[in-house]
Amino acid sequence: MSERIHEIHADICKTLGNAKRIEILNALGDKELAVGELVNILGVSPANVSQHLSVMKQKGILSSRREGNNIYYKVANPKVIMACGLMREVLLERFAEGQKIAKKFSGK
């Protein structure tokens, strides 16, 4: 059981290991957006956005609903946004630490 959980965890992390998918999550946040709105926000083709949305929906990261001709997407579980936020904090802290070290050695 534990091994299977690790495999699923790795699969989800692999799915989120794409910059455009992280952008989609950031654009969605705690709101629901139509595909067209995401296309405008991200500045990429509808086909590209749809492909990423489909992968994330298949993995259970996003949920969707249809209203007329529009399909609206939202993050299925707000903890995904929290997890990505924590990872971003770790990366920013690491970046800041790297800058401190660089300044120390450059004498600035």
N, C-alpha and C. Protein backbone atom coordinates (compact mmCIF):
# COMPACT_ATOMS: atom_id res chain seq x y z
N MET A 1 0.83 -1.20 0.00
CA MET A 1 0.00 0.00 0.00
C MET A 1 0.87 1.25 0.00
N SER A 2 1.87 1.31 0.87
CA SER A 2 2.73 2.48 0.96
C SER A 2 3.47 2.73 -0.34
N GLU A 3 3.93 1.66 -0.98
CA GLU A 3 4.64 1.80 -2.26
C GLU A 3 3.72 2.40 -3.32
N ARG A 4 2.47 1.97 -3.34
CA ARG A 4 1.50 2.49 -4.32
C ARG A 4 1.26 3.98 -4.09
N ILE A 5 1.16 4.38 -2.84
CA ILE A 5 0.97 5.80 -2.51
C ILE A 5 2.16 6.60 -3.01
N HIS A 6 3.37 6.08 -2.83
CA HIS A 6 4.57 6.77 -3.32
C HIS A 6 4.54 6.91 -4.84
N GLU A 7 4.07 5.88 -5.52
CA GLU A 7 3.97 5.93 -6.98
C GLU A 7 2.97 6.99 -7.43
N ILE A 8 1.82 7.04 -6.78
CA ILE A 8 0.80 8.03 -7.12
C ILE A 8 1.32 9.44 -6.82
N HIS A 9 1.98 9.59 -5.68
CA HIS A 9 2.56 10.88 -5.30
C HIS A 9 3.55 11.35 -6.36
N ALA A 10 4.43 10.46 -6.78
CA ALA A 10 5.43 10.79 -7.81
C ALA A 10 4.75 11.17 -9.12
N ASP A 11 3.68 10.47 -9.46
CA ASP A 11 2.96 10.76 -10.69
C ASP A 11 2.33 12.15 -10.66
N ILE A 12 1.75 12.52 -9.53
CA ILE A 12 1.17 13.85 -9.38
C ILE A 12 2.27 14.92 -9.46
N CYS A 13 3.39 14.67 -8.78
CA CYS A 13 4.50 15.62 -8.83
C CYS A 13 5.03 15.77 -10.26
N LYS A 14 5.08 14.67 -10.98
CA LYS A 14 5.53 14.70 -12.37
C LYS A 14 4.56 15.53 -13.20
N THR A 15 3.28 15.37 -12.95
CA THR A 15 2.26 16.14 -13.67
C THR A 15 2.43 17.63 -13.40
N LEU A 16 2.74 17.97 -12.16
CA LEU A 16 2.91 19.38 -11.80
C LEU A 16 4.31 19.90 -12.13
N GLY A 17 5.16 19.05 -12.65
CA GLY A 17 6.51 19.44 -13.01
C GLY A 17 6.58 20.10 -14.38
N ASN A 18 5.62 20.93 -14.68
CA ASN A 18 5.55 21.63 -15.96
C ASN A 18 5.20 23.08 -15.66
N ALA A 19 6.02 24.00 -16.14
CA ALA A 19 5.83 25.42 -15.82
C ALA A 19 4.46 25.94 -16.24
N LYS A 20 3.98 25.51 -17.39
CA LYS A 20 2.68 26.01 -17.87
C LYS A 20 1.55 25.51 -16.96
N ARG A 21 1.68 24.31 -16.44
CA ARG A 21 0.65 23.79 -15.52
C ARG A 21 0.67 24.54 -14.20
N ILE A 22 1.85 24.92 -13.75
CA ILE A 22 1.94 25.74 -12.53
C ILE A 22 1.29 27.10 -12.79
N GLU A 23 1.52 27.66 -13.98
CA GLU A 23 0.88 28.93 -14.35
C GLU A 23 -0.65 28.79 -14.33
N ILE A 24 -1.14 27.68 -14.84
CA ILE A 24 -2.59 27.44 -14.83
C ILE A 24 -3.10 27.41 -13.40
N LEU A 25 -2.42 26.68 -12.53
CA LEU A 25 -2.84 26.62 -11.13
C LEU A 25 -2.84 28.01 -10.50
N ASN A 26 -1.79 28.80 -10.78
CA ASN A 26 -1.73 30.15 -10.24
C ASN A 26 -2.85 31.02 -10.77
N ALA A 27 -3.19 30.86 -12.06
CA ALA A 27 -4.28 31.63 -12.65
C ALA A 27 -5.63 31.24 -12.03
N LEU A 28 -5.80 29.95 -11.80
CA LEU A 28 -7.07 29.49 -11.22
C LEU A 28 -7.19 29.88 -9.75
N GLY A 29 -6.11 29.67 -8.99
CA GLY A 29 -6.18 29.98 -7.56
C GLY A 29 -7.41 29.35 -6.94
N ASP A 30 -8.24 30.17 -6.34
CA ASP A 30 -9.47 29.66 -5.71
C ASP A 30 -10.71 29.98 -6.54
N LYS A 31 -10.49 30.33 -7.82
CA LYS A 31 -11.65 30.65 -8.66
C LYS A 31 -11.81 29.64 -9.79
N GLU A 32 -12.89 29.79 -10.48
CA GLU A 32 -13.23 28.93 -11.60
C GLU A 32 -13.13 29.77 -12.87
N LEU A 33 -12.43 29.26 -13.89
CA LEU A 33 -12.27 30.01 -15.13
C LEU A 33 -12.60 29.13 -16.33
N ALA A 34 -13.10 29.77 -17.37
CA ALA A 34 -13.36 29.08 -18.63
C ALA A 34 -12.06 28.94 -19.40
N VAL A 35 -12.04 27.99 -20.32
CA VAL A 35 -10.84 27.75 -21.13
C VAL A 35 -10.41 29.04 -21.83
N GLY A 36 -11.35 29.76 -22.40
CA GLY A 36 -11.03 31.02 -23.10
C GLY A 36 -10.37 32.04 -22.19
N GLU A 37 -10.82 32.11 -20.95
CA GLU A 37 -10.21 33.04 -20.00
C GLU A 37 -8.76 32.64 -19.71
N LEU A 38 -8.53 31.34 -19.56
CA LEU A 38 -7.17 30.86 -19.33
C LEU A 38 -6.27 31.12 -20.54
N VAL A 39 -6.81 30.96 -21.74
CA VAL A 39 -6.05 31.25 -22.96
C VAL A 39 -5.59 32.70 -22.94
N ASN A 40 -6.49 33.62 -22.60
CA ASN A 40 -6.14 35.05 -22.55
C ASN A 40 -5.11 35.34 -21.48
N ILE A 41 -5.25 34.74 -20.32
CA ILE A 41 -4.32 34.97 -19.21
C ILE A 41 -2.93 34.44 -19.54
N LEU A 42 -2.88 33.25 -20.11
CA LEU A 42 -1.60 32.57 -20.35
C LEU A 42 -0.95 32.97 -21.67
N GLY A 43 -1.74 33.46 -22.61
CA GLY A 43 -1.19 33.86 -23.90
C GLY A 43 -0.70 32.70 -24.75
N VAL A 44 -1.35 31.57 -24.64
CA VAL A 44 -0.99 30.41 -25.47
C VAL A 44 -2.24 29.93 -26.21
N SER A 45 -2.05 29.01 -27.12
CA SER A 45 -3.17 28.56 -27.95
C SER A 45 -4.21 27.79 -27.13
N PRO A 46 -5.46 27.83 -27.59
CA PRO A 46 -6.50 27.05 -26.92
C PRO A 46 -6.17 25.55 -26.87
N ALA A 47 -5.56 25.04 -27.93
CA ALA A 47 -5.21 23.61 -27.96
C ALA A 47 -4.19 23.28 -26.88
N ASN A 48 -3.21 24.17 -26.70
CA ASN A 48 -2.18 23.96 -25.68
C ASN A 48 -2.79 23.99 -24.28
N VAL A 49 -3.63 24.98 -24.02
CA VAL A 49 -4.29 25.08 -22.71
C VAL A 49 -5.16 23.85 -22.48
N SER A 50 -5.94 23.48 -23.47
CA SER A 50 -6.83 22.32 -23.33
C SER A 50 -6.07 21.04 -23.04
N GLN A 51 -4.92 20.88 -23.67
CA GLN A 51 -4.10 19.68 -23.43
C GLN A 51 -3.65 19.63 -21.97
N HIS A 52 -3.15 20.76 -21.45
CA HIS A 52 -2.70 20.79 -20.06
C HIS A 52 -3.87 20.57 -19.09
N LEU A 53 -5.01 21.20 -19.39
CA LEU A 53 -6.19 21.04 -18.53
C LEU A 53 -6.64 19.58 -18.51
N SER A 54 -6.62 18.95 -19.65
CA SER A 54 -7.04 17.55 -19.75
C SER A 54 -6.15 16.65 -18.89
N VAL A 55 -4.85 16.84 -18.97
CA VAL A 55 -3.91 16.03 -18.18
C VAL A 55 -4.17 16.25 -16.68
N MET A 56 -4.32 17.51 -16.28
CA MET A 56 -4.52 17.78 -14.85
C MET A 56 -5.88 17.29 -14.36
N LYS A 57 -6.89 17.33 -15.22
CA LYS A 57 -8.19 16.79 -14.84
C LYS A 57 -8.12 15.27 -14.69
N GLN A 58 -7.44 14.62 -15.63
CA GLN A 58 -7.30 13.17 -15.59
C GLN A 58 -6.60 12.72 -14.31
N LYS A 59 -5.66 13.51 -13.81
CA LYS A 59 -4.92 13.17 -12.59
C LYS A 59 -5.66 13.60 -11.32
N GLY A 60 -6.83 14.23 -11.48
CA GLY A 60 -7.62 14.62 -10.32
C GLY A 60 -7.20 15.94 -9.70
N ILE A 61 -6.34 16.68 -10.38
CA ILE A 61 -5.87 17.97 -9.86
C ILE A 61 -6.93 19.05 -10.10
N LEU A 62 -7.63 18.94 -11.23
CA LEU A 62 -8.68 19.89 -11.58
C LEU A 62 -10.01 19.18 -11.73
N SER A 63 -11.08 19.94 -11.59
CA SER A 63 -12.41 19.46 -11.91
C SER A 63 -13.00 20.44 -12.92
N SER A 64 -14.04 20.01 -13.60
CA SER A 64 -14.63 20.88 -14.62
C SER A 64 -16.14 20.74 -14.64
N ARG A 65 -16.75 21.74 -15.24
CA ARG A 65 -18.20 21.68 -15.49
C ARG A 65 -18.47 22.41 -16.79
N ARG A 66 -19.49 21.95 -17.48
CA ARG A 66 -19.87 22.57 -18.75
C ARG A 66 -21.08 23.46 -18.52
N GLU A 67 -21.03 24.64 -19.16
CA GLU A 67 -22.17 25.55 -19.15
C GLU A 67 -22.32 26.09 -20.57
N GLY A 68 -23.29 25.59 -21.29
CA GLY A 68 -23.44 25.97 -22.70
C GLY A 68 -22.23 25.49 -23.49
N ASN A 69 -21.59 26.42 -24.20
CA ASN A 69 -20.41 26.08 -24.99
C ASN A 69 -19.12 26.17 -24.19
N ASN A 70 -19.20 26.65 -22.97
CA ASN A 70 -17.99 26.86 -22.16
C ASN A 70 -17.76 25.72 -21.17
N ILE A 71 -16.48 25.41 -20.99
CA ILE A 71 -16.08 24.47 -19.95
C ILE A 71 -15.29 25.27 -18.93
N TYR A 72 -15.70 25.17 -17.67
CA TYR A 72 -15.06 25.88 -16.57
C TYR A 72 -14.23 24.90 -15.75
N TYR A 73 -13.05 25.35 -15.37
CA TYR A 73 -12.15 24.52 -14.58
C TYR A 73 -11.87 25.19 -13.25
N LYS A 74 -11.64 24.35 -12.25
CA LYS A 74 -11.19 24.83 -10.94
C LYS A 74 -10.30 23.76 -10.32
N VAL A 75 -9.53 24.18 -9.33
CA VAL A 75 -8.67 23.24 -8.62
C VAL A 75 -9.56 22.35 -7.78
N ALA A 76 -9.37 21.05 -7.89
CA ALA A 76 -10.25 20.08 -7.22
C ALA A 76 -10.11 20.13 -5.71
N ASN A 77 -8.90 20.40 -5.22
CA ASN A 77 -8.65 20.43 -3.78
C ASN A 77 -7.73 21.61 -3.48
N PRO A 78 -8.18 22.55 -2.63
CA PRO A 78 -7.36 23.73 -2.34
C PRO A 78 -5.99 23.41 -1.74
N LYS A 79 -5.81 22.21 -1.24
CA LYS A 79 -4.51 21.83 -0.68
C LYS A 79 -3.43 21.77 -1.77
N VAL A 80 -3.84 21.57 -3.02
CA VAL A 80 -2.88 21.58 -4.13
C VAL A 80 -2.25 22.97 -4.23
N ILE A 81 -3.07 24.00 -4.13
CA ILE A 81 -2.57 25.39 -4.18
C ILE A 81 -1.66 25.64 -2.98
N MET A 82 -2.05 25.14 -1.82
CA MET A 82 -1.23 25.31 -0.62
C MET A 82 0.13 24.62 -0.79
N ALA A 83 0.12 23.42 -1.33
CA ALA A 83 1.36 22.67 -1.53
C ALA A 83 2.28 23.40 -2.51
N CYS A 84 1.71 23.90 -3.59
CA CYS A 84 2.52 24.65 -4.57
C CYS A 84 3.04 25.94 -3.95
N GLY A 85 2.23 26.58 -3.11
CA GLY A 85 2.67 27.79 -2.42
C GLY A 85 3.84 27.53 -1.48
N LEU A 86 3.78 26.41 -0.77
CA LEU A 86 4.90 26.05 0.12
C LEU A 86 6.16 25.78 -0.68
N MET A 87 6.02 25.11 -1.80
CA MET A 87 7.19 24.83 -2.64
C MET A 87 7.79 26.12 -3.17
N ARG A 88 6.94 27.06 -3.56
CA ARG A 88 7.40 28.36 -4.04
C ARG A 88 8.17 29.09 -2.94
N GLU A 89 7.66 29.03 -1.71
CA GLU A 89 8.36 29.66 -0.58
C GLU A 89 9.75 29.05 -0.39
N VAL A 90 9.84 27.75 -0.47
CA VAL A 90 11.14 27.07 -0.34
C VAL A 90 12.09 27.55 -1.44
N LEU A 91 11.60 27.63 -2.66
CA LEU A 91 12.44 28.07 -3.77
C LEU A 91 12.88 29.52 -3.60
N LEU A 92 11.98 30.39 -3.16
CA LEU A 92 12.33 31.79 -2.95
C LEU A 92 13.35 31.95 -1.83
N GLU A 93 13.19 31.16 -0.76
CA GLU A 93 14.17 31.20 0.34
C GLU A 93 15.54 30.74 -0.16
N ARG A 94 15.55 29.70 -0.95
CA ARG A 94 16.81 29.19 -1.51
C ARG A 94 17.46 30.23 -2.41
N PHE A 95 16.65 30.89 -3.23
CA PHE A 95 17.14 31.93 -4.12
C PHE A 95 17.73 33.09 -3.32
N ALA A 96 17.01 33.51 -2.26
CA ALA A 96 17.50 34.61 -1.42
C ALA A 96 18.81 34.25 -0.75
N GLU A 97 18.91 33.02 -0.28
CA GLU A 97 20.15 32.56 0.36
C GLU A 97 21.30 32.56 -0.65
N GLY A 98 21.03 32.14 -1.86
CA GLY A 98 22.05 32.15 -2.91
C GLY A 98 22.53 33.56 -3.21
N GLN A 99 21.61 34.52 -3.19
CA GLN A 99 21.98 35.92 -3.42
C GLN A 99 22.87 36.44 -2.28
N LYS A 100 22.55 36.06 -1.04
CA LYS A 100 23.37 36.48 0.10
C LYS A 100 24.80 35.95 -0.05
N ILE A 101 24.92 34.71 -0.42
CA ILE A 101 26.23 34.11 -0.59
C ILE A 101 26.99 34.80 -1.72
N ALA A 102 26.31 35.08 -2.82
CA ALA A 102 26.95 35.74 -3.95
C ALA A 102 27.43 37.13 -3.56
N LYS A 103 26.64 37.87 -2.79
CA LYS A 103 27.06 39.21 -2.34
C LYS A 103 28.25 39.12 -1.42
N LYS A 104 28.25 38.12 -0.56
CA LYS A 104 29.35 37.95 0.38
C LYS A 104 30.68 37.74 -0.36
N PHE A 105 30.64 36.92 -1.39
CA PHE A 105 31.87 36.62 -2.13
C PHE A 105 32.23 37.66 -3.16
N SER A 106 31.27 38.49 -3.56
CA SER A 106 31.58 39.54 -4.54
C SER A 106 32.00 40.82 -3.85
N GLY A 107 31.83 40.88 -2.54
CA GLY A 107 32.23 42.06 -1.78
C GLY A 107 31.26 43.21 -1.86
N LYS A 108 30.04 42.96 -2.29
CA LYS A 108 29.02 44.04 -2.41
C LYS A 108 28.13 44.05 -1.21
